């Protein structure tokens, strides 16, 4: 049995994306094990709108943002959330670091 993780399907046409998903369902029935309940849809556009993609005769969940490979993708193609997230991570890392001063240095 094969497992697939973090698969991304891209196209400009919903019908083509639906076709890709339908083909993946065929592979899933033969030998893959895909987690269909965990799938999310995001349309990245200056004027985003929900997509009408069906998986197992149910409308797939459309989201406004998602995290992929450590980066935040938003449906409006802006990077504000990504910048806030990275700034917060940097603040936490700096706060957790020990401070060094010449009085606690050791020389070998």
Protein backbone atom coordinates (compact mmCIF):
# COMPACT_ATOMS: atom_id res chain seq x y z
CA UNK A 1 0.00 0.00 0.00
CA UNK A 2 1.31 3.48 -0.86
CA UNK A 3 0.67 6.64 1.12
CA UNK A 4 0.63 10.16 -0.30
CA UNK A 5 1.30 13.24 1.80
CA UNK A 6 0.95 16.95 1.10
CA UNK A 7 -0.27 16.70 -2.46
CA UNK A 8 -1.04 19.95 -4.28
CA UNK A 9 -3.19 20.14 -7.40
CA UNK A 10 -3.09 23.36 -9.41
CA UNK A 11 -5.06 24.52 -12.41
CA UNK A 12 -6.99 27.55 -13.59
CA UNK A 13 -10.15 25.56 -14.38
CA UNK A 14 -12.39 23.91 -11.76
CA UNK A 15 -13.47 21.20 -14.22
CA UNK A 16 -9.85 20.14 -14.75
CA UNK A 17 -9.23 20.05 -10.98
CA UNK A 18 -12.36 17.93 -10.54
CA UNK A 19 -11.02 15.56 -13.21
CA UNK A 20 -7.68 15.30 -11.39
CA UNK A 21 -9.46 14.43 -8.14
CA UNK A 22 -11.61 11.83 -9.92
CA UNK A 23 -8.46 10.19 -11.35
CA UNK A 24 -6.84 10.19 -7.92
CA UNK A 25 -9.90 8.42 -6.56
CA UNK A 26 -9.25 5.62 -9.09
CA UNK A 27 -5.65 5.25 -7.87
CA UNK A 28 -6.90 5.33 -4.29
CA UNK A 29 -9.24 2.43 -5.00
CA UNK A 30 -6.37 0.41 -6.54
CA UNK A 31 -3.37 0.96 -4.27
CA UNK A 32 -3.05 4.39 -2.64
CA UNK A 33 -4.37 5.41 0.74
CA UNK A 34 -5.42 9.06 0.64
CA UNK A 35 -6.98 10.94 3.55
CA UNK A 36 -9.93 12.47 1.66
CA UNK A 37 -11.51 13.98 4.78
CA UNK A 38 -8.44 16.18 5.38
CA UNK A 39 -8.52 17.87 1.98
CA UNK A 40 -8.92 21.64 1.73
CA UNK A 41 -9.55 23.93 -1.22
CA UNK A 42 -8.18 27.41 -1.64
CA UNK A 43 -8.63 29.68 -4.63
CA UNK A 44 -5.86 32.27 -4.71
CA UNK A 45 -7.15 35.34 -6.49
CA UNK A 46 -7.51 39.07 -6.03
CA UNK A 47 -11.27 38.36 -5.91
CA UNK A 48 -11.49 34.88 -4.34
CA UNK A 49 -14.66 32.86 -4.49
CA UNK A 50 -15.49 29.32 -3.35
CA UNK A 51 -14.85 26.40 -5.69
CA UNK A 52 -17.45 23.74 -6.36
CA UNK A 53 -15.28 20.62 -6.10
CA UNK A 54 -16.89 17.36 -5.03
CA UNK A 55 -15.13 14.51 -3.20
CA UNK A 56 -17.20 11.40 -2.50
CA UNK A 57 -20.34 13.31 -3.54
CA UNK A 58 -19.72 15.96 -0.87
CA UNK A 59 -18.64 19.54 -1.32
CA UNK A 60 -14.95 19.87 -0.35
CA UNK A 61 -14.17 22.52 2.29
CA UNK A 62 -13.12 25.93 0.94
CA UNK A 63 -10.76 27.84 3.25
CA UNK A 64 -9.48 31.42 3.39
CA UNK A 65 -5.95 30.39 4.37
CA UNK A 66 -3.83 27.33 4.98
CA UNK A 67 -0.30 26.50 6.05
CA UNK A 68 1.74 24.58 3.51
CA UNK A 69 5.41 23.69 3.99
CA UNK A 70 5.64 26.20 6.84
CA UNK A 71 4.21 29.14 4.89
CA UNK A 72 0.76 30.68 5.18
CA UNK A 73 -1.14 30.84 1.90
CA UNK A 74 -4.17 33.16 1.77
CA UNK A 75 -6.94 33.26 -0.78
CA UNK A 76 -6.36 36.98 -1.44
CA UNK A 77 -2.65 36.44 -2.29
CA UNK A 78 -1.45 38.78 0.44
CA UNK A 79 1.51 38.06 2.72
CA UNK A 80 0.38 39.96 5.83
CA UNK A 81 -0.41 36.80 7.81
CA UNK A 82 2.91 35.23 6.81
CA UNK A 83 4.83 38.31 7.96
CA UNK A 84 2.99 38.41 11.31
CA UNK A 85 3.60 34.70 11.84
CA UNK A 86 7.33 34.94 11.10
CA UNK A 87 7.69 38.02 13.32
CA UNK A 88 5.98 36.20 16.20
CA UNK A 89 8.22 33.14 15.74
CA UNK A 90 11.31 35.38 15.79
CA UNK A 91 10.14 37.14 18.99
CA UNK A 92 9.58 33.78 20.69
CA UNK A 93 13.01 32.53 19.61
CA UNK A 94 14.72 35.68 20.89
CA UNK A 95 12.82 35.55 24.19
CA UNK A 96 13.82 31.91 24.74
CA UNK A 97 17.52 32.52 24.06
CA UNK A 98 19.88 32.91 26.98
CA UNK A 99 21.56 36.25 27.22
CA UNK A 100 25.32 36.31 27.20
CA UNK A 101 27.48 38.88 28.87
CA UNK A 102 31.25 39.14 29.35
CA UNK A 103 30.85 38.12 33.02
CA UNK A 104 29.64 34.60 32.12
CA UNK A 105 32.15 33.92 29.34
CA UNK A 106 34.71 31.20 29.88
CA UNK A 107 38.11 31.01 28.21
CA UNK A 108 39.87 27.74 27.45
